[in-house]
Amino acid sequence: RLQQRESADVVRRYRADLERPYHSAWAGAADGDVVLVEFFDYACGFCRTSNSDVDRLLREDPRLKVVWRELPVLGPDSEQAAIASLAAAEAGKFVPFHEALFEAGRPTPA
């Protein structure tokens, strides 16, 4: 219970920062009444599988805002993919890059 309470306190403290997207790394309603923050790794099969669920949620709920946060924990290829993803976000191309990279499968140096 203590760990849950402490975790909740951390989320409360940083909620605004977590919900503020990095450039174009978001989709849905700009002023959504619900904000889903997804931490992901392009090398994660579970993240890849959940991508279609997030797309479905965005189609079903016009008031949903999704904010994506890179969490490259599965090795150097994950880190490189995250760096490229952040560059795509700065260029305003995050969503197409995000979709294409997940469709391509696990990232490689190529």
N, C-alpha and C. Protein backbone atom coordinates (compact mmCIF):
# COMPACT_ATOMS: atom_id res chain seq x y z
N ARG A 1 0.82 -1.20 0.00
CA ARG A 1 0.00 0.00 0.00
C ARG A 1 0.86 1.26 0.00
N LEU A 2 1.95 1.21 0.76
CA LEU A 2 2.85 2.36 0.80
C LEU A 2 3.42 2.63 -0.58
N GLN A 3 3.84 1.58 -1.28
CA GLN A 3 4.40 1.75 -2.63
C GLN A 3 3.35 2.33 -3.57
N GLN A 4 2.12 1.87 -3.49
CA GLN A 4 1.04 2.42 -4.33
C GLN A 4 0.81 3.90 -4.02
N ARG A 5 0.80 4.23 -2.75
CA ARG A 5 0.58 5.63 -2.35
C ARG A 5 1.72 6.51 -2.84
N GLU A 6 2.96 6.03 -2.69
CA GLU A 6 4.11 6.81 -3.15
C GLU A 6 4.11 6.96 -4.67
N SER A 7 3.74 5.91 -5.38
CA SER A 7 3.65 5.99 -6.85
C SER A 7 2.59 6.99 -7.26
N ALA A 8 1.45 6.95 -6.61
CA ALA A 8 0.37 7.90 -6.92
C ALA A 8 0.82 9.33 -6.67
N ASP A 9 1.60 9.54 -5.61
CA ASP A 9 2.10 10.88 -5.32
C ASP A 9 3.03 11.37 -6.43
N VAL A 10 3.89 10.49 -6.94
CA VAL A 10 4.80 10.87 -8.02
C VAL A 10 4.02 11.21 -9.27
N VAL A 11 3.02 10.41 -9.61
CA VAL A 11 2.20 10.69 -10.80
C VAL A 11 1.50 12.02 -10.63
N ARG A 12 0.93 12.27 -9.46
CA ARG A 12 0.24 13.55 -9.22
C ARG A 12 1.20 14.73 -9.41
N ARG A 13 2.41 14.58 -8.88
CA ARG A 13 3.39 15.66 -8.94
C ARG A 13 3.81 15.97 -10.38
N TYR A 14 3.92 14.95 -11.23
CA TYR A 14 4.43 15.14 -12.59
C TYR A 14 3.37 14.99 -13.67
N ARG A 15 2.11 14.90 -13.29
CA ARG A 15 1.03 14.66 -14.25
C ARG A 15 1.06 15.66 -15.42
N ALA A 16 1.16 16.93 -15.14
CA ALA A 16 1.14 17.93 -16.21
C ALA A 16 2.30 17.72 -17.19
N ASP A 17 3.47 17.39 -16.67
CA ASP A 17 4.62 17.14 -17.54
C ASP A 17 4.41 15.88 -18.38
N LEU A 18 3.87 14.85 -17.77
CA LEU A 18 3.63 13.60 -18.50
C LEU A 18 2.59 13.78 -19.60
N GLU A 19 1.58 14.57 -19.33
CA GLU A 19 0.49 14.75 -20.28
C GLU A 19 0.79 15.79 -21.36
N ARG A 20 1.90 16.54 -21.22
CA ARG A 20 2.29 17.52 -22.22
C ARG A 20 3.13 16.80 -23.28
N PRO A 21 2.64 16.72 -24.51
CA PRO A 21 3.37 15.95 -25.52
C PRO A 21 4.65 16.65 -25.98
N TYR A 22 5.58 15.82 -26.44
CA TYR A 22 6.80 16.33 -27.04
C TYR A 22 6.49 16.60 -28.52
N HIS A 23 6.41 17.86 -28.87
CA HIS A 23 6.10 18.29 -30.24
C HIS A 23 4.87 17.55 -30.77
N SER A 24 5.01 16.73 -31.80
CA SER A 24 3.83 16.11 -32.43
C SER A 24 3.58 14.69 -31.95
N ALA A 25 4.14 14.29 -30.79
CA ALA A 25 3.98 12.93 -30.30
C ALA A 25 2.67 12.75 -29.54
N TRP A 26 1.59 13.06 -30.22
CA TRP A 26 0.27 12.89 -29.64
C TRP A 26 -0.76 12.75 -30.76
N ALA A 27 -1.95 12.31 -30.40
CA ALA A 27 -3.06 12.20 -31.36
C ALA A 27 -4.37 12.37 -30.60
N GLY A 28 -5.42 12.65 -31.35
CA GLY A 28 -6.74 12.78 -30.75
C GLY A 28 -7.11 14.21 -30.49
N ALA A 29 -7.89 14.41 -29.44
CA ALA A 29 -8.42 15.73 -29.09
C ALA A 29 -7.36 16.56 -28.37
N ALA A 30 -7.09 17.74 -28.88
CA ALA A 30 -6.09 18.62 -28.26
C ALA A 30 -6.43 18.93 -26.81
N ASP A 31 -7.71 19.04 -26.52
CA ASP A 31 -8.16 19.33 -25.16
C ASP A 31 -8.99 18.16 -24.62
N GLY A 32 -8.50 16.96 -24.83
CA GLY A 32 -9.24 15.76 -24.44
C GLY A 32 -9.64 15.74 -22.98
N ASP A 33 -10.80 15.15 -22.71
CA ASP A 33 -11.24 15.02 -21.33
C ASP A 33 -10.58 13.82 -20.64
N VAL A 34 -9.97 12.95 -21.43
CA VAL A 34 -9.16 11.84 -20.91
C VAL A 34 -7.84 11.86 -21.67
N VAL A 35 -6.74 11.75 -20.93
CA VAL A 35 -5.42 11.70 -21.56
C VAL A 35 -4.80 10.34 -21.22
N LEU A 36 -4.49 9.60 -22.27
CA LEU A 36 -3.81 8.32 -22.13
C LEU A 36 -2.34 8.55 -22.46
N VAL A 37 -1.46 8.31 -21.50
CA VAL A 37 -0.03 8.44 -21.72
C VAL A 37 0.51 7.02 -21.89
N GLU A 38 1.08 6.74 -23.07
CA GLU A 38 1.61 5.42 -23.34
C GLU A 38 3.14 5.48 -23.38
N PHE A 39 3.76 4.72 -22.50
CA PHE A 39 5.21 4.54 -22.52
C PHE A 39 5.48 3.31 -23.37
N PHE A 40 6.38 3.42 -24.32
CA PHE A 40 6.57 2.32 -25.26
C PHE A 40 8.02 2.18 -25.68
N ASP A 41 8.31 1.01 -26.25
CA ASP A 41 9.61 0.71 -26.82
C ASP A 41 9.33 0.07 -28.18
N TYR A 42 9.95 0.58 -29.24
CA TYR A 42 9.69 0.05 -30.58
C TYR A 42 10.09 -1.42 -30.72
N ALA A 43 10.94 -1.92 -29.82
CA ALA A 43 11.35 -3.32 -29.87
C ALA A 43 10.42 -4.23 -29.06
N CYS A 44 9.43 -3.67 -28.43
CA CYS A 44 8.53 -4.43 -27.56
C CYS A 44 7.35 -4.98 -28.36
N GLY A 45 7.23 -6.29 -28.37
CA GLY A 45 6.11 -6.92 -29.09
C GLY A 45 4.76 -6.57 -28.50
N PHE A 46 4.68 -6.43 -27.19
CA PHE A 46 3.42 -6.05 -26.55
C PHE A 46 3.01 -4.63 -26.97
N CYS A 47 3.99 -3.74 -27.04
CA CYS A 47 3.72 -2.36 -27.49
C CYS A 47 3.22 -2.37 -28.93
N ARG A 48 3.87 -3.17 -29.77
CA ARG A 48 3.47 -3.26 -31.18
C ARG A 48 2.03 -3.77 -31.28
N THR A 49 1.70 -4.80 -30.52
CA THR A 49 0.35 -5.37 -30.54
C THR A 49 -0.69 -4.37 -30.05
N SER A 50 -0.35 -3.60 -29.02
CA SER A 50 -1.31 -2.66 -28.45
C SER A 50 -1.55 -1.44 -29.35
N ASN A 51 -0.68 -1.23 -30.32
CA ASN A 51 -0.82 -0.06 -31.19
C ASN A 51 -2.18 -0.03 -31.88
N SER A 52 -2.68 -1.17 -32.34
CA SER A 52 -3.99 -1.20 -32.99
C SER A 52 -5.10 -0.91 -32.00
N ASP A 53 -4.92 -1.30 -30.74
CA ASP A 53 -5.93 -0.98 -29.71
C ASP A 53 -5.99 0.51 -29.45
N VAL A 54 -4.83 1.15 -29.42
CA VAL A 54 -4.80 2.61 -29.21
C VAL A 54 -5.47 3.31 -30.39
N ASP A 55 -5.20 2.84 -31.61
CA ASP A 55 -5.87 3.41 -32.79
C ASP A 55 -7.38 3.27 -32.68
N ARG A 56 -7.83 2.10 -32.23
CA ARG A 56 -9.27 1.86 -32.08
C ARG A 56 -9.87 2.81 -31.04
N LEU A 57 -9.19 2.98 -29.91
CA LEU A 57 -9.68 3.89 -28.88
C LEU A 57 -9.80 5.32 -29.41
N LEU A 58 -8.83 5.74 -30.21
CA LEU A 58 -8.88 7.08 -30.79
C LEU A 58 -10.07 7.22 -31.73
N ARG A 59 -10.36 6.19 -32.50
CA ARG A 59 -11.53 6.24 -33.41
C ARG A 59 -12.84 6.26 -32.63
N GLU A 60 -12.91 5.52 -31.52
CA GLU A 60 -14.15 5.38 -30.77
C GLU A 60 -14.45 6.57 -29.86
N ASP A 61 -13.43 7.27 -29.40
CA ASP A 61 -13.64 8.35 -28.44
C ASP A 61 -13.07 9.66 -28.97
N PRO A 62 -13.92 10.53 -29.49
CA PRO A 62 -13.43 11.79 -30.05
C PRO A 62 -12.87 12.76 -29.00
N ARG A 63 -13.05 12.45 -27.72
CA ARG A 63 -12.55 13.32 -26.65
C ARG A 63 -11.27 12.78 -26.02
N LEU A 64 -10.71 11.71 -26.58
CA LEU A 64 -9.50 11.10 -26.05
C LEU A 64 -8.26 11.77 -26.64
N LYS A 65 -7.28 11.99 -25.80
CA LYS A 65 -5.97 12.47 -26.24
C LYS A 65 -4.95 11.40 -25.84
N VAL A 66 -4.11 10.99 -26.78
CA VAL A 66 -3.05 10.03 -26.50
C VAL A 66 -1.72 10.76 -26.62
N VAL A 67 -0.89 10.59 -25.62
CA VAL A 67 0.46 11.16 -25.61
C VAL A 67 1.43 9.98 -25.52
N TRP A 68 2.37 9.92 -26.46
CA TRP A 68 3.34 8.84 -26.48
C TRP A 68 4.65 9.28 -25.86
N ARG A 69 5.24 8.39 -25.06
CA ARG A 69 6.53 8.64 -24.40
C ARG A 69 7.46 7.45 -24.69
N GLU A 70 8.59 7.75 -25.30
CA GLU A 70 9.57 6.71 -25.57
C GLU A 70 10.17 6.20 -24.27
N LEU A 71 10.31 4.90 -24.18
CA LEU A 71 10.95 4.25 -23.04
C LEU A 71 11.83 3.13 -23.60
N PRO A 72 12.99 3.49 -24.19
CA PRO A 72 13.82 2.52 -24.89
C PRO A 72 14.67 1.68 -23.94
N VAL A 73 14.10 0.59 -23.45
CA VAL A 73 14.78 -0.23 -22.45
C VAL A 73 15.28 -1.57 -22.99
N LEU A 74 15.01 -1.86 -24.26
CA LEU A 74 15.33 -3.19 -24.79
C LEU A 74 16.59 -3.20 -25.65
N GLY A 75 17.49 -2.29 -25.42
CA GLY A 75 18.77 -2.35 -26.09
C GLY A 75 19.09 -1.17 -26.98
N PRO A 76 20.27 -1.20 -27.60
CA PRO A 76 20.74 -0.09 -28.44
C PRO A 76 19.83 0.19 -29.63
N ASP A 77 19.24 -0.84 -30.24
CA ASP A 77 18.34 -0.59 -31.37
C ASP A 77 17.10 0.19 -30.91
N SER A 78 16.64 -0.10 -29.70
CA SER A 78 15.52 0.65 -29.12
C SER A 78 15.89 2.12 -28.93
N GLU A 79 17.11 2.33 -28.44
CA GLU A 79 17.56 3.70 -28.22
C GLU A 79 17.64 4.48 -29.54
N GLN A 80 18.18 3.86 -30.58
CA GLN A 80 18.28 4.52 -31.88
C GLN A 80 16.90 4.81 -32.45
N ALA A 81 15.98 3.87 -32.29
CA ALA A 81 14.61 4.08 -32.78
C ALA A 81 13.95 5.24 -32.02
N ALA A 82 14.20 5.33 -30.72
CA ALA A 82 13.63 6.42 -29.93
C ALA A 82 14.19 7.77 -30.37
N ILE A 83 15.48 7.83 -30.66
CA ILE A 83 16.10 9.08 -31.14
C ILE A 83 15.47 9.50 -32.46
N ALA A 84 15.30 8.54 -33.36
CA ALA A 84 14.65 8.84 -34.65
C ALA A 84 13.21 9.28 -34.44
N SER A 85 12.53 8.66 -33.49
CA SER A 85 11.14 9.01 -33.20
C SER A 85 11.03 10.45 -32.69
N LEU A 86 11.95 10.83 -31.82
CA LEU A 86 11.94 12.20 -31.31
C LEU A 86 12.22 13.21 -32.42
N ALA A 87 13.10 12.85 -33.34
CA ALA A 87 13.36 13.73 -34.49
C ALA A 87 12.12 13.86 -35.36
N ALA A 88 11.41 12.74 -35.56
CA ALA A 88 10.16 12.79 -36.33
C ALA A 88 9.13 13.67 -35.62
N ALA A 89 9.08 13.59 -34.30
CA ALA A 89 8.15 14.43 -33.54
C ALA A 89 8.47 15.90 -33.71
N GLU A 90 9.76 16.24 -33.67
CA GLU A 90 10.16 17.64 -33.86
C GLU A 90 9.78 18.14 -35.25
N ALA A 91 9.81 17.24 -36.23
CA ALA A 91 9.48 17.61 -37.61
C ALA A 91 7.97 17.59 -37.88
N GLY A 92 7.19 17.26 -36.86
CA GLY A 92 5.74 17.20 -37.04
C GLY A 92 5.26 15.94 -37.74
N LYS A 93 6.08 14.91 -37.74
CA LYS A 93 5.78 13.66 -38.47
C LYS A 93 5.71 12.45 -37.54
N PHE A 94 5.44 12.67 -36.27
CA PHE A 94 5.52 11.56 -35.32
C PHE A 94 4.56 10.42 -35.65
N VAL A 95 3.29 10.70 -35.83
CA VAL A 95 2.31 9.62 -35.99
C VAL A 95 2.63 8.74 -37.20
N PRO A 96 2.90 9.29 -38.40
CA PRO A 96 3.24 8.41 -39.51
C PRO A 96 4.51 7.60 -39.25
N PHE A 97 5.51 8.22 -38.62
CA PHE A 97 6.74 7.50 -38.30
C PHE A 97 6.46 6.38 -37.31
N HIS A 98 5.71 6.68 -36.28
CA HIS A 98 5.36 5.72 -35.23
C HIS A 98 4.66 4.50 -35.83
N GLU A 99 3.66 4.76 -36.67
CA GLU A 99 2.92 3.67 -37.31
C GLU A 99 3.84 2.85 -38.20
N ALA A 100 4.65 3.51 -39.01
CA ALA A 100 5.52 2.81 -39.96
C ALA A 100 6.57 1.97 -39.23
N LEU A 101 7.13 2.50 -38.16
CA LEU A 101 8.16 1.74 -37.45
C LEU A 101 7.57 0.51 -36.77
N PHE A 102 6.39 0.63 -36.18
CA PHE A 102 5.76 -0.54 -35.59
C PHE A 102 5.38 -1.57 -36.65
N GLU A 103 4.92 -1.09 -37.81
CA GLU A 103 4.56 -2.03 -38.89
C GLU A 103 5.79 -2.75 -39.43
N ALA A 104 6.95 -2.12 -39.37
CA ALA A 104 8.18 -2.71 -39.89
C ALA A 104 8.72 -3.84 -39.01
N GLY A 105 8.26 -3.92 -37.77
CA GLY A 105 8.77 -4.94 -36.86
C GLY A 105 9.85 -4.40 -35.95
N ARG A 106 10.55 -5.31 -35.31
CA ARG A 106 11.60 -4.92 -34.35
C ARG A 106 12.67 -4.09 -35.07
N PRO A 107 13.06 -2.95 -34.47
CA PRO A 107 14.06 -2.10 -35.13
C PRO A 107 15.42 -2.78 -35.22
N THR A 108 16.12 -2.45 -36.30
CA THR A 108 17.48 -2.92 -36.53
C THR A 108 18.34 -1.73 -36.94
N PRO A 109 19.63 -1.88 -36.94
CA PRO A 109 20.48 -0.76 -37.39
C PRO A 109 20.16 -0.32 -38.82
N ALA A 110 19.70 -1.23 -39.65
CA ALA A 110 19.36 -0.86 -41.04
C ALA A 110 18.16 0.06 -41.04
